[in-house]
Amino acid sequence: MDDESRIKDKESGSVRVAQPAKKSARPTLKTIAALSGLAVPTVSRALNNASDISAETKRLVQRIANEIGYVPDRAGRRLRTGKTNVISLVLSTEHDVMNYTARMISSIASAFRNTPYHLIVTPYFPNEDPLRPIRYITETRSADGLILNQTLPEDPRVAHLLEVGFPFVTHGRTIWKQQHPYFDFENGEFGRICVRRLAEQGRKHILLVAPPFNQNYSIEMCEGVLGEAAKLGLDVQILPEVTSDHSPEIVMETLSAKLMAEPQIDGIIAPSASCAMSVVSAGDTLGLVIGTDYDLVAKEGLPFLNRFRKEIIVISEDVSSAGGFMARALMHRIDHPDEPVRQYLDIPTD
């Protein structure tokens, strides 16, 4: 009886899968092979999601592996293949969880489920050289690939990874975007939509609380807002010095002072949920009524803001799609380095 025939029997329940005799022994590929009736090479290829193994076989092998608590011997695998089956998501410790980080981690991890790859998070600190964790991973080969966000136009991390030929994917584009996989939200179009939505509400004096000015998505957003406002003949300014990544207290304090000094401001753009909440708090402190005294357009990665204030004009960013795409694009880059890189640009609509 061949492997595929055995699988059909086991899936239909006609063959009983025995339990391992010694539960204290660490399960191995041979254990799974004995329980499934498959050859060890077939089990190994099924666990590694090989394309020539049927989905039915993969399901059976994965089910048995889960039931007996099989964990791959990573040290042995690395010696045999040179791979760790580890992917590192590199994140700043200052990242805004309200915006999208929690959902992105969840979607990336979900995309690696039932694959050989496992996700780890590598943090870096604001006062730390951002290249330090990247160099550590590339020099020690402690991961097979990297996922990066908070991308800069001339990101030194991307330059280094391209130079050493290490697989990676970015959330956001760089000046070398033709050379690497990425997922990006079209923030220029987001800015243009925001201005149009405020203009539809009759607003003429717009304030943008921009993301950090050195990041690529901030540059695109500012260009989109400024260009569309000029086209429509609206007054627009960008809040100086303070960005949406500053603490809520600083954003609220700065906005309150700005709105007191310039009461003609009647439209505000916030690029994140936490920034939008700071805007509303600043308005409330000054006795301003959202939807009457001013309108607010905000981007969110989690469906939350309209529960907070239904008057907020919300534009959603599908962070789950971003995480899933980046995970698949990186696996493709690792497994098929000679094929074209995978890229996706998410363009919002009115």
C-alpha atoms as a PDB file:
ATOM      1  CA  MET A   1       0.000   0.000   0.000  1.00  0.00           C
ATOM      2  CA  ASP A   2       1.485   3.382  -0.997  1.00  0.00           C
ATOM      3  CA  ASP A   3       1.590   6.490   1.205  1.00  0.00           C
ATOM      4  CA  GLU A   4      -1.474   8.151  -0.350  1.00  0.00           C
ATOM      5  CA  SER A   5      -3.585   4.996   0.099  1.00  0.00           C
ATOM      6  CA  ARG A   6      -2.609   4.825   3.762  1.00  0.00           C
ATOM      7  CA  ILE A   7      -3.640   8.462   4.153  1.00  0.00           C
ATOM      8  CA  LYS A   8      -7.111   7.788   2.761  1.00  0.00           C
ATOM      9  CA  ASP A   9      -7.579   4.866   5.120  1.00  0.00           C
ATOM     10  CA  LYS A  10      -6.513   6.904   8.122  1.00  0.00           C
ATOM     11  CA  GLU A  11      -8.634   9.918   7.194  1.00  0.00           C
ATOM     12  CA  SER A  12     -11.686   7.657   6.785  1.00  0.00           C
ATOM     13  CA  GLY A  13     -11.025   6.060  10.164  1.00  0.00           C
ATOM     14  CA  SER A  14     -10.483   2.500   8.854  1.00  0.00           C
ATOM     15  CA  VAL A  15      -6.958   2.381  10.249  1.00  0.00           C
ATOM     16  CA  ARG A  16      -6.397   3.100  13.904  1.00  0.00           C
ATOM     17  CA  VAL A  17      -3.465   5.330  14.823  1.00  0.00           C
ATOM     18  CA  ALA A  18      -1.590   3.855  17.772  1.00  0.00           C
ATOM     19  CA  GLN A  19      -0.297   6.046  20.569  1.00  0.00           C
ATOM     20  CA  PRO A  20       3.454   6.131  21.230  1.00  0.00           C
ATOM     21  CA  ALA A  21       4.547   3.535  23.738  1.00  0.00           C
ATOM     22  CA  LYS A  22       6.740   5.925  25.739  1.00  0.00           C
ATOM     23  CA  LYS A  23       5.112   9.275  26.293  1.00  0.00           C
ATOM     24  CA  SER A  24       8.202  10.568  28.057  1.00  0.00           C
ATOM     25  CA  ALA A  25      10.368  10.126  24.943  1.00  0.00           C
ATOM     26  CA  ARG A  26      10.704  13.129  22.680  1.00  0.00           C
ATOM     27  CA  PRO A  27       8.698  12.532  19.476  1.00  0.00           C
ATOM     28  CA  THR A  28      10.706  12.444  16.267  1.00  0.00           C
ATOM     29  CA  LEU A  29      10.022  12.159  12.555  1.00  0.00           C
ATOM     30  CA  LYS A  30      10.299   8.381  12.996  1.00  0.00           C
ATOM     31  CA  THR A  31       7.536   8.548  15.621  1.00  0.00           C
ATOM     32  CA  ILE A  32       5.199  10.310  13.198  1.00  0.00           C
ATOM     33  CA  ALA A  33       6.185   7.907  10.429  1.00  0.00           C
ATOM     34  CA  ALA A  34       5.354   4.889  12.607  1.00  0.00           C
ATOM     35  CA  LEU A  35       1.972   6.328  13.627  1.00  0.00           C
ATOM     36  CA  SER A  36       1.007   7.404  10.122  1.00  0.00           C
ATOM     37  CA  GLY A  37       2.399   4.467   8.169  1.00  0.00           C
ATOM     38  CA  LEU A  38       4.312   6.880   5.973  1.00  0.00           C
ATOM     39  CA  ALA A  39       7.981   6.956   5.094  1.00  0.00           C
ATOM     40  CA  VAL A  40      10.188   9.320   7.097  1.00  0.00           C
ATOM     41  CA  PRO A  41      11.095  11.401   3.984  1.00  0.00           C
ATOM     42  CA  THR A  42       7.364  11.819   3.238  1.00  0.00           C
ATOM     43  CA  VAL A  43       6.703  13.007   6.798  1.00  0.00           C
ATOM     44  CA  SER A  44       9.601  15.442   6.601  1.00  0.00           C
ATOM     45  CA  ARG A  45       8.422  16.893   3.295  1.00  0.00           C
ATOM     46  CA  ALA A  46       4.842  17.164   4.566  1.00  0.00           C
ATOM     47  CA  LEU A  47       5.964  19.119   7.637  1.00  0.00           C
ATOM     48  CA  ASN A  48       8.003  21.380   5.367  1.00  0.00           C
ATOM     49  CA  ASN A  49       4.953  22.094   3.179  1.00  0.00           C
ATOM     50  CA  ALA A  50       6.542  20.601   0.064  1.00  0.00           C
ATOM     51  CA  SER A  51       4.523  21.295  -3.080  1.00  0.00           C
ATOM     52  CA  ASP A  52       4.602  17.660  -4.245  1.00  0.00           C
ATOM     53  CA  ILE A  53       2.875  16.389  -1.070  1.00  0.00           C
ATOM     54  CA  SER A  54      -0.918  16.372  -1.103  1.00  0.00           C
ATOM     55  CA  ALA A  55      -2.951  18.557   1.236  1.00  0.00           C
ATOM     56  CA  GLU A  56      -4.541  15.393   2.646  1.00  0.00           C
ATOM     57  CA  THR A  57      -1.141  14.004   3.618  1.00  0.00           C
ATOM     58  CA  LYS A  58      -0.075  17.312   5.145  1.00  0.00           C
ATOM     59  CA  ARG A  59      -3.235  17.467   7.257  1.00  0.00           C
ATOM     60  CA  LEU A  60      -2.708  13.968   8.632  1.00  0.00           C
ATOM     61  CA  VAL A  61       0.962  14.507   9.414  1.00  0.00           C
ATOM     62  CA  GLN A  62       0.276  17.861  11.064  1.00  0.00           C
ATOM     63  CA  ARG A  63      -2.570  16.373  13.120  1.00  0.00           C
ATOM     64  CA  ILE A  64      -0.371  13.573  14.429  1.00  0.00           C
ATOM     65  CA  ALA A  65       2.497  15.996  15.084  1.00  0.00           C
ATOM     66  CA  ASN A  66       0.174  18.218  17.128  1.00  0.00           C
ATOM     67  CA  GLU A  67      -1.310  15.312  19.058  1.00  0.00           C
ATOM     68  CA  ILE A  68       2.050  13.898  20.140  1.00  0.00           C
ATOM     69  CA  GLY A  69       3.685  17.279  20.744  1.00  0.00           C
ATOM     70  CA  TYR A  70       6.341  17.008  18.035  1.00  0.00           C
ATOM     71  CA  VAL A  71       8.801  19.918  17.994  1.00  0.00           C
ATOM     72  CA  PRO A  72      11.459  20.121  15.237  1.00  0.00           C
ATOM     73  CA  ASP A  73      15.093  19.880  16.286  1.00  0.00           C
ATOM     74  CA  ARG A  74      16.180  23.285  15.043  1.00  0.00           C
ATOM     75  CA  ALA A  75      19.858  22.727  15.729  1.00  0.00           C
ATOM     76  CA  GLY A  76      19.831  19.556  13.669  1.00  0.00           C
ATOM     77  CA  ARG A  77      17.809  21.170  10.908  1.00  0.00           C
ATOM     78  CA  ARG A  78      20.235  24.067  10.708  1.00  0.00           C
ATOM     79  CA  LEU A  79      23.182  21.688  10.411  1.00  0.00           C
ATOM     80  CA  ARG A  80      21.447  19.753   7.636  1.00  0.00           C
ATOM     81  CA  THR A  81      19.911  22.604   5.633  1.00  0.00           C
ATOM     82  CA  GLY A  82      21.536  25.845   6.796  1.00  0.00           C
ATOM     83  CA  LYS A  83      18.049  27.155   7.657  1.00  0.00           C
ATOM     84  CA  THR A  84      16.549  28.090  11.012  1.00  0.00           C
ATOM     85  CA  ASN A  85      12.875  28.273   9.921  1.00  0.00           C
ATOM     86  CA  VAL A  86      12.681  31.442  12.010  1.00  0.00           C
ATOM     87  CA  ILE A  87      11.351  34.796  10.766  1.00  0.00           C
ATOM     88  CA  SER A  88      12.085  37.953  12.745  1.00  0.00           C
ATOM     89  CA  LEU A  89       9.687  40.895  12.882  1.00  0.00           C
ATOM     90  CA  VAL A  90      11.798  43.920  13.837  1.00  0.00           C
ATOM     91  CA  LEU A  91       9.765  46.442  15.854  1.00  0.00           C
ATOM     92  CA  SER A  92      10.473  49.660  17.677  1.00  0.00           C
ATOM     93  CA  THR A  93       9.561  49.617  21.367  1.00  0.00           C
ATOM     94  CA  GLU A  94       7.766  52.925  20.801  1.00  0.00           C
ATOM     95  CA  HIS A  95       5.276  51.477  18.310  1.00  0.00           C
ATOM     96  CA  ASP A  96       1.635  52.431  18.616  1.00  0.00           C
ATOM     97  CA  VAL A  97      -0.385  49.293  19.392  1.00  0.00           C
ATOM     98  CA  MET A  98      -3.692  51.183  18.975  1.00  0.00           C
ATOM     99  CA  ASN A  99      -2.770  51.939  15.387  1.00  0.00           C
ATOM    100  CA  TYR A 100      -1.962  48.551  13.894  1.00  0.00           C
ATOM    101  CA  THR A 101       0.871  46.664  15.555  1.00  0.00           C
ATOM    102  CA  ALA A 102      -1.208  44.106  17.478  1.00  0.00           C
ATOM    103  CA  ARG A 103      -3.294  43.160  14.450  1.00  0.00           C
ATOM    104  CA  MET A 104      -0.240  43.054  12.197  1.00  0.00           C
ATOM    105  CA  ILE A 105       1.594  40.641  14.506  1.00  0.00           C
ATOM    106  CA  SER A 106      -1.503  38.443  14.646  1.00  0.00           C
ATOM    107  CA  SER A 107      -1.939  38.383  10.860  1.00  0.00           C
ATOM    108  CA  ILE A 108       1.745  37.644  10.225  1.00  0.00           C
ATOM    109  CA  ALA A 109       1.740  34.828  12.768  1.00  0.00           C
ATOM    110  CA  SER A 110      -1.447  33.386  11.251  1.00  0.00           C
ATOM    111  CA  ALA A 111       0.139  33.322   7.796  1.00  0.00           C
ATOM    112  CA  PHE A 112       3.036  31.233   9.136  1.00  0.00           C
ATOM    113  CA  ARG A 113       0.675  28.721  10.736  1.00  0.00           C
ATOM    114  CA  ASN A 114       1.037  25.221   9.284  1.00  0.00           C
ATOM    115  CA  THR A 115       4.291  26.211   7.574  1.00  0.00           C
ATOM    116  CA  PRO A 116       7.824  25.362   8.712  1.00  0.00           C
ATOM    117  CA  TYR A 117       8.383  28.962   9.786  1.00  0.00           C
ATOM    118  CA  HIS A 118       8.013  30.452  13.250  1.00  0.00           C
ATOM    119  CA  LEU A 119       7.768  34.140  14.084  1.00  0.00           C
ATOM    120  CA  ILE A 120       9.839  35.965  16.680  1.00  0.00           C
ATOM    121  CA  VAL A 121       9.793  39.684  17.523  1.00  0.00           C
ATOM    122  CA  THR A 122      13.120  41.499  17.693  1.00  0.00           C
ATOM    123  CA  PRO A 123      12.799  44.848  19.493  1.00  0.00           C
ATOM    124  CA  TYR A 124      14.995  47.886  19.067  1.00  0.00           C
ATOM    125  CA  PHE A 125      15.026  51.028  21.172  1.00  0.00           C
ATOM    126  CA  PRO A 126      14.721  54.680  20.118  1.00  0.00           C
ATOM    127  CA  ASN A 127      18.255  55.505  21.286  1.00  0.00           C
ATOM    128  CA  GLU A 128      19.730  52.423  19.613  1.00  0.00           C
ATOM    129  CA  ASP A 129      21.359  52.151  16.205  1.00  0.00           C
ATOM    130  CA  PRO A 130      18.578  50.563  14.088  1.00  0.00           C
ATOM    131  CA  LEU A 131      21.219  48.563  12.227  1.00  0.00           C
ATOM    132  CA  ARG A 132      22.378  46.801  15.377  1.00  0.00           C
ATOM    133  CA  PRO A 133      19.654  44.098  15.543  1.00  0.00           C
ATOM    134  CA  ILE A 134      19.791  43.719  11.752  1.00  0.00           C
ATOM    135  CA  ARG A 135      23.534  43.093  11.727  1.00  0.00           C
ATOM    136  CA  TYR A 136      23.218  40.640  14.603  1.00  0.00           C
ATOM    137  CA  ILE A 137      20.670  38.557  12.705  1.00  0.00           C
ATOM    138  CA  THR A 138      22.495  38.639   9.371  1.00  0.00           C
ATOM    139  CA  GLU A 139      25.887  37.860  10.903  1.00  0.00           C
ATOM    140  CA  THR A 140      24.677  35.050  13.177  1.00  0.00           C
ATOM    141  CA  ARG A 141      22.091  33.767  10.675  1.00  0.00           C
ATOM    142  CA  SER A 142      19.692  33.426  13.610  1.00  0.00           C
ATOM    143  CA  ALA A 143      16.710  33.872  11.243  1.00  0.00           C
ATOM    144  CA  ASP A 144      15.968  33.081   7.614  1.00  0.00           C
ATOM    145  CA  GLY A 145      14.277  36.405   6.877  1.00  0.00           C
ATOM    146  CA  LEU A 146      13.248  39.772   8.292  1.00  0.00           C
ATOM    147  CA  ILE A 147      10.076  41.880   8.285  1.00  0.00           C
ATOM    148  CA  LEU A 148      10.647  45.625   8.643  1.00  0.00           C
ATOM    149  CA  ASN A 149       8.341  48.604   9.109  1.00  0.00           C
ATOM    150  CA  GLN A 150       8.726  52.321   9.885  1.00  0.00           C
ATOM    151  CA  THR A 151      10.526  52.424   6.554  1.00  0.00           C
ATOM    152  CA  LEU A 152      12.720  55.360   5.548  1.00  0.00           C
ATOM    153  CA  PRO A 153      13.168  56.442   1.893  1.00  0.00           C
ATOM    154  CA  GLU A 154      16.900  55.593   2.063  1.00  0.00           C
ATOM    155  CA  ASP A 155      16.611  53.086   4.864  1.00  0.00           C
ATOM    156  CA  PRO A 156      20.073  51.947   6.032  1.00  0.00           C
ATOM    157  CA  ARG A 157      18.586  48.606   7.111  1.00  0.00           C
ATOM    158  CA  VAL A 158      17.352  47.949   3.583  1.00  0.00           C
ATOM    159  CA  ALA A 159      20.681  49.051   2.085  1.00  0.00           C
ATOM    160  CA  HIS A 160      22.527  46.606   4.345  1.00  0.00           C
ATOM    161  CA  LEU A 161      20.168  43.705   3.635  1.00  0.00           C
ATOM    162  CA  LEU A 162      20.402  44.247  -0.117  1.00  0.00           C
ATOM    163  CA  GLU A 163      24.197  44.415   0.125  1.00  0.00           C
ATOM    164  CA  VAL A 164      24.544  41.128   2.015  1.00  0.00           C
ATOM    165  CA  GLY A 165      21.730  39.410   0.083  1.00  0.00           C
ATOM    166  CA  PHE A 166      19.573  38.578   3.117  1.00  0.00           C
ATOM    167  CA  PRO A 167      15.830  37.946   2.513  1.00  0.00           C
ATOM    168  CA  PHE A 168      13.451  40.600   3.847  1.00  0.00           C
ATOM    169  CA  VAL A 169      10.155  42.366   3.213  1.00  0.00           C
ATOM    170  CA  THR A 170       9.140  45.896   4.167  1.00  0.00           C
ATOM    171  CA  HIS A 171       5.903  47.506   5.253  1.00  0.00           C
ATOM    172  CA  GLY A 172       6.371  50.606   3.135  1.00  0.00           C
ATOM    173  CA  ARG A 173       8.517  51.445   0.126  1.00  0.00           C
ATOM    174  CA  THR A 174      12.068  52.723  -0.267  1.00  0.00           C
ATOM    175  CA  ILE A 175      14.028  54.261  -3.131  1.00  0.00           C
ATOM    176  CA  TRP A 176      15.131  50.676  -3.888  1.00  0.00           C
ATOM    177  CA  LYS A 177      11.569  49.367  -4.033  1.00  0.00           C
ATOM    178  CA  GLN A 178      12.119  47.606  -7.372  1.00  0.00           C
ATOM    179  CA  GLN A 179      14.618  45.307  -5.660  1.00  0.00           C
ATOM    180  CA  HIS A 180      12.689  44.016  -2.662  1.00  0.00           C
ATOM    181  CA  PRO A 181       9.238  42.714  -1.657  1.00  0.00           C
ATOM    182  CA  TYR A 182       6.918  45.131   0.114  1.00  0.00           C
ATOM    183  CA  PHE A 183       3.362  45.908   1.109  1.00  0.00           C
ATOM    184  CA  ASP A 184       2.430  49.568   1.236  1.00  0.00           C
ATOM    185  CA  PHE A 185      -0.640  51.689   1.840  1.00  0.00           C
ATOM    186  CA  GLU A 186      -0.896  54.559  -0.652  1.00  0.00           C
ATOM    187  CA  ASN A 187      -0.634  57.384   1.864  1.00  0.00           C
ATOM    188  CA  GLY A 188      -0.484  60.057  -0.827  1.00  0.00           C
ATOM    189  CA  GLU A 189      -3.969  59.054  -1.943  1.00  0.00           C
ATOM    190  CA  PHE A 190      -5.052  58.853   1.705  1.00  0.00           C
ATOM    191  CA  GLY A 191      -4.010  62.507   2.108  1.00  0.00           C
ATOM    192  CA  ARG A 192      -5.884  63.550  -1.017  1.00  0.00           C
ATOM    193  CA  ILE A 193      -9.043  61.730   0.114  1.00  0.00           C
ATOM    194  CA  CYS A 194      -8.857  63.408   3.532  1.00  0.00           C
ATOM    195  CA  VAL A 195      -8.739  66.863   1.982  1.00  0.00           C
ATOM    196  CA  ARG A 196     -11.649  66.087  -0.339  1.00  0.00           C
ATOM    197  CA  ARG A 197     -13.756  64.727   2.515  1.00  0.00           C
ATOM    198  CA  LEU A 198     -13.137  67.872   4.574  1.00  0.00           C
ATOM    199  CA  ALA A 199     -13.918  70.076   1.580  1.00  0.00           C
ATOM    200  CA  GLU A 200     -17.237  68.250   1.180  1.00  0.00           C
ATOM    201  CA  GLN A 201     -18.049  69.297   4.761  1.00  0.00           C
ATOM    202  CA  GLY A 202     -17.345  72.927   3.842  1.00  0.00           C
ATOM    203  CA  ARG A 203     -14.039  73.090   5.733  1.00  0.00           C
ATOM    204  CA  LYS A 204     -11.467  75.563   4.443  1.00  0.00           C
ATOM    205  CA  HIS A 205      -8.652  75.692   7.018  1.00  0.00           C
ATOM    206  CA  ILE A 206      -7.020  72.289   7.435  1.00  0.00           C
ATOM    207  CA  LEU A 207      -4.376  71.063   9.872  1.00  0.00           C
ATOM    208  CA  LEU A 208      -2.430  67.811   9.361  1.00  0.00           C
ATOM    209  CA  VAL A 209      -0.843  66.080  12.325  1.00  0.00           C
ATOM    210  CA  ALA A 210       1.783  64.246  10.279  1.00  0.00           C
ATOM    211  CA  PRO A 211       3.662  61.027  11.051  1.00  0.00           C
ATOM    212  CA  PRO A 212       7.427  61.321  11.753  1.00  0.00           C
ATOM    213  CA  PHE A 213       8.772  63.477   8.946  1.00  0.00           C
ATOM    214  CA  ASN A 214      11.721  61.213   8.080  1.00  0.00           C
ATOM    215  CA  GLN A 215       9.535  58.223   7.247  1.00  0.00           C
ATOM    216  CA  ASN A 216       8.462  57.496   3.705  1.00  0.00           C
ATOM    217  CA  TYR A 217       4.734  57.296   4.376  1.00  0.00           C
ATOM    218  CA  SER A 218       4.817  60.707   6.055  1.00  0.00           C
ATOM    219  CA  ILE A 219       6.460  62.288   3.014  1.00  0.00           C
ATOM    220  CA  GLU A 220       3.824  60.773   0.733  1.00  0.00           C
ATOM    221  CA  MET A 221       0.969  61.819   3.027  1.00  0.00           C
ATOM    222  CA  CYS A 222       2.189  65.412   3.282  1.00  0.00           C
ATOM    223  CA  GLU A 223       2.592  65.661  -0.491  1.00  0.00           C
ATOM    224  CA  GLY A 224      -0.925  64.320  -1.024  1.00  0.00           C
ATOM    225  CA  VAL A 225      -2.511  66.730   1.479  1.00  0.00           C
ATOM    226  CA  LEU A 226      -0.623  69.792   0.253  1.00  0.00           C
ATOM    227  CA  GLY A 227      -1.219  69.009  -3.415  1.00  0.00           C
ATOM    228  CA  GLU A 228      -4.960  68.392  -3.081  1.00  0.00           C
ATOM    229  CA  ALA A 229      -5.472  71.461  -0.868  1.00  0.00           C
ATOM    230  CA  ALA A 230      -3.704  73.657  -3.438  1.00  0.00           C
ATOM    231  CA  LYS A 231      -5.869  72.150  -6.187  1.00  0.00           C
ATOM    232  CA  LEU A 232      -9.062  72.941  -4.256  1.00  0.00           C
ATOM    233  CA  GLY A 233      -7.902  76.361  -3.050  1.00  0.00           C
ATOM    234  CA  LEU A 234      -7.942  75.432   0.635  1.00  0.00           C
ATOM    235  CA  ASP A 235      -5.668  76.690   3.382  1.00  0.00           C
ATOM    236  CA  VAL A 236      -3.576  73.861   4.852  1.00  0.00           C
ATOM    237  CA  GLN A 237      -0.722  73.610   7.307  1.00  0.00           C
ATOM    238  CA  ILE A 238       1.246  70.822   8.941  1.00  0.00           C
ATOM    239  CA  LEU A 239       1.649  70.851  12.697  1.00  0.00           C
ATOM    240  CA  PRO A 240       5.343  71.696  13.225  1.00  0.00           C
ATOM    241  CA  GLU A 241       7.745  69.771  15.474  1.00  0.00           C
ATOM    242  CA  VAL A 242       5.146  67.448  17.015  1.00  0.00           C
ATOM    243  CA  THR A 243       4.112  64.326  15.059  1.00  0.00           C
ATOM    244  CA  SER A 244       1.467  61.641  15.469  1.00  0.00           C
ATOM    245  CA  ASP A 245       4.057  59.376  17.094  1.00  0.00           C
ATOM    246  CA  HIS A 246       4.570  61.717  20.045  1.00  0.00           C
ATOM    247  CA  SER A 247       2.843  60.819  23.290  1.00  0.00           C
ATOM    248  CA  PRO A 248      -0.912  61.546  23.495  1.00  0.00           C
ATOM    249  CA  GLU A 249      -0.227  64.156  26.183  1.00  0.00           C
ATOM    250  CA  ILE A 250       2.207  66.085  23.974  1.00  0.00           C
ATOM    251  CA  VAL A 251      -0.075  65.887  20.927  1.00  0.00           C
ATOM    252  CA  MET A 252      -3.074  67.064  22.963  1.00  0.00           C
ATOM    253  CA  GLU A 253      -1.159  69.920  24.603  1.00  0.00           C
ATOM    254  CA  THR A 254       0.307  71.129  21.302  1.00  0.00           C
ATOM    255  CA  LEU A 255      -3.025  70.893  19.495  1.00  0.00           C
ATOM    256  CA  SER A 256      -4.843  72.785  22.246  1.00  0.00           C
ATOM    257  CA  ALA A 257      -2.359  75.643  21.979  1.00  0.00           C
ATOM    258  CA  LYS A 258      -2.597  75.626  18.167  1.00  0.00           C
ATOM    259  CA  LEU A 259      -6.410  75.694  18.124  1.00  0.00           C
ATOM    260  CA  MET A 260      -6.505  78.482  20.689  1.00  0.00           C
ATOM    261  CA  ALA A 261      -4.064  80.569  18.662  1.00  0.00           C
ATOM    262  CA  GLU A 262      -5.784  79.844  15.325  1.00  0.00           C
ATOM    263  CA  PRO A 263      -9.513  79.319  15.912  1.00  0.00           C
ATOM    264  CA  GLN A 264     -10.163  79.415  12.151  1.00  0.00           C
ATOM    265  CA  ILE A 265      -8.880  75.823  11.851  1.00  0.00           C
ATOM    266  CA  ASP A 266     -11.972  73.769  11.047  1.00  0.00           C
ATOM    267  CA  GLY A 267     -10.603  70.530   9.622  1.00  0.00           C
ATOM    268  CA  ILE A 268      -7.995  68.171  11.064  1.00  0.00           C
ATOM    269  CA  ILE A 269      -6.308  65.076   9.613  1.00  0.00           C
ATOM    270  CA  ALA A 270      -4.973  62.356  11.947  1.00  0.00           C
ATOM    271  CA  PRO A 271      -2.957  59.412  10.571  1.00  0.00           C
ATOM    272  CA  SER A 272      -3.653  57.063  13.492  1.00  0.00           C
ATOM    273  CA  ALA A 273      -6.357  56.158  15.984  1.00  0.00           C
ATOM    274  CA  SER A 274      -4.411  57.347  19.022  1.00  0.00           C
ATOM    275  CA  CYS A 275      -3.696  60.677  17.339  1.00  0.00           C
ATOM    276  CA  ALA A 276      -7.389  61.057  16.519  1.00  0.00           C
ATOM    277  CA  MET A 277      -8.272  60.508  20.167  1.00  0.00           C
ATOM    278  CA  SER A 278      -5.784  63.206  21.168  1.00  0.00           C
ATOM    279  CA  VAL A 279      -7.397  65.580  18.663  1.00  0.00           C
ATOM    280  CA  VAL A 280     -10.845  64.957  20.117  1.00  0.00           C
ATOM    281  CA  SER A 281      -9.542  65.381  23.659  1.00  0.00           C
ATOM    282  CA  ALA A 282      -7.938  68.705  22.736  1.00  0.00           C
ATOM    283  CA  GLY A 283     -11.182  69.876  21.143  1.00  0.00           C
ATOM    284  CA  ASP A 284     -13.213  68.812  24.159  1.00  0.00           C
ATOM    285  CA  THR A 285     -10.875  70.708  26.471  1.00  0.00           C
ATOM    286  CA  LEU A 286     -11.521  73.885  24.477  1.00  0.00           C
ATOM    287  CA  GLY A 287     -15.288  73.281  24.290  1.00  0.00           C
ATOM    288  CA  LEU A 288     -15.207  72.546  20.539  1.00  0.00           C
ATOM    289  CA  VAL A 289     -17.830  70.178  19.165  1.00  0.00           C
ATOM    290  CA  ILE A 290     -16.684  67.667  16.562  1.00  0.00           C
ATOM    291  CA  GLY A 291     -18.913  67.746  13.497  1.00  0.00           C
ATOM    292  CA  THR A 292     -19.972  71.317  14.296  1.00  0.00           C
ATOM    293  CA  ASP A 293     -16.933  73.435  15.096  1.00  0.00           C
ATOM    294  CA  TYR A 294     -14.549  71.186  13.198  1.00  0.00           C
ATOM    295  CA  ASP A 295     -14.365  67.893  11.340  1.00  0.00           C
ATOM    296  CA  LEU A 296     -11.793  65.173  11.811  1.00  0.00           C
ATOM    297  CA  VAL A 297     -10.615  62.594   9.257  1.00  0.00           C
ATOM    298  CA  ALA A 298      -8.544  59.745  10.643  1.00  0.00           C
ATOM    299  CA  LYS A 299      -6.942  56.502   9.535  1.00  0.00           C
ATOM    300  CA  GLU A 300      -7.344  53.383  11.638  1.00  0.00           C
ATOM    301  CA  GLY A 301      -6.186  49.796  11.468  1.00  0.00           C
ATOM    302  CA  LEU A 302      -8.743  48.515  13.989  1.00  0.00           C
ATOM    303  CA  PRO A 303     -12.505  49.242  13.819  1.00  0.00           C
ATOM    304  CA  PHE A 304     -12.681  51.455  16.866  1.00  0.00           C
ATOM    305  CA  LEU A 305     -12.947  55.191  16.238  1.00  0.00           C
ATOM    306  CA  ASN A 306     -16.629  55.390  15.324  1.00  0.00           C
ATOM    307  CA  ARG A 307     -17.440  53.643  18.588  1.00  0.00           C
ATOM    308  CA  PHE A 308     -15.447  56.353  20.340  1.00  0.00           C
ATOM    309  CA  ARG A 309     -17.048  59.232  18.402  1.00  0.00           C
ATOM    310  CA  LYS A 310     -19.441  58.529  15.538  1.00  0.00           C
ATOM    311  CA  GLU A 311     -18.711  61.960  14.014  1.00  0.00           C
ATOM    312  CA  ILE A 312     -15.129  61.025  13.067  1.00  0.00           C
ATOM    313  CA  ILE A 313     -14.680  60.477   9.332  1.00  0.00           C
ATOM    314  CA  VAL A 314     -12.793  57.167   9.204  1.00  0.00           C
ATOM    315  CA  ILE A 315     -10.600  55.737   6.452  1.00  0.00           C
ATOM    316  CA  SER A 316      -9.581  52.141   7.146  1.00  0.00           C
ATOM    317  CA  GLU A 317      -6.249  50.490   6.462  1.00  0.00           C
ATOM    318  CA  ASP A 318      -6.461  46.705   6.104  1.00  0.00           C
ATOM    319  CA  VAL A 319      -3.571  45.728   8.351  1.00  0.00           C
ATOM    320  CA  SER A 320      -4.542  42.040   8.352  1.00  0.00           C
ATOM    321  CA  SER A 321      -4.026  41.896   4.594  1.00  0.00           C
ATOM    322  CA  ALA A 322      -0.707  43.687   4.971  1.00  0.00           C
ATOM    323  CA  GLY A 323       0.622  41.195   7.508  1.00  0.00           C
ATOM    324  CA  GLY A 324      -0.532  38.151   5.579  1.00  0.00           C
ATOM    325  CA  PHE A 325       0.883  39.415   2.298  1.00  0.00           C
ATOM    326  CA  MET A 326       4.270  40.268   3.812  1.00  0.00           C
ATOM    327  CA  ALA A 327       4.566  36.817   5.381  1.00  0.00           C
ATOM    328  CA  ARG A 328       3.778  35.072   2.080  1.00  0.00           C
ATOM    329  CA  ALA A 329       6.033  37.404   0.085  1.00  0.00           C
ATOM    330  CA  LEU A 330       8.940  36.713   2.429  1.00  0.00           C
ATOM    331  CA  MET A 331       8.469  32.935   2.322  1.00  0.00           C
ATOM    332  CA  HIS A 332       8.434  33.169  -1.468  1.00  0.00           C
ATOM    333  CA  ARG A 333      11.629  35.227  -1.414  1.00  0.00           C
ATOM    334  CA  ILE A 334      13.370  32.690   0.843  1.00  0.00           C
ATOM    335  CA  ASP A 335      12.230  29.624  -1.087  1.00  0.00           C
ATOM    336  CA  HIS A 336      12.467  31.098  -4.601  1.00  0.00           C
ATOM    337  CA  PRO A 337      15.263  33.705  -4.551  1.00  0.00           C
ATOM    338  CA  ASP A 338      15.607  33.767  -8.335  1.00  0.00           C
ATOM    339  CA  GLU A 339      11.951  34.598  -9.024  1.00  0.00           C
ATOM    340  CA  PRO A 340      10.543  38.175  -9.179  1.00  0.00           C
ATOM    341  CA  VAL A 341       9.828  39.749  -5.804  1.00  0.00           C
ATOM    342  CA  ARG A 342       6.205  40.085  -4.691  1.00  0.00           C
ATOM    343  CA  GLN A 343       4.849  43.572  -4.041  1.00  0.00           C
ATOM    344  CA  TYR A 344       1.456  45.108  -3.300  1.00  0.00           C
ATOM    345  CA  LEU A 345       0.215  48.684  -3.103  1.00  0.00           C
ATOM    346  CA  ASP A 346      -3.088  49.136  -1.232  1.00  0.00           C
ATOM    347  CA  ILE A 347      -4.882  52.156  -2.711  1.00  0.00           C
ATOM    348  CA  PRO A 348      -7.740  53.592  -0.605  1.00  0.00           C
ATOM    349  CA  THR A 349     -10.917  54.836  -2.246  1.00  0.00           C
ATOM    350  CA  ASP A 350     -13.382  57.607  -1.415  1.00  0.00           C
END
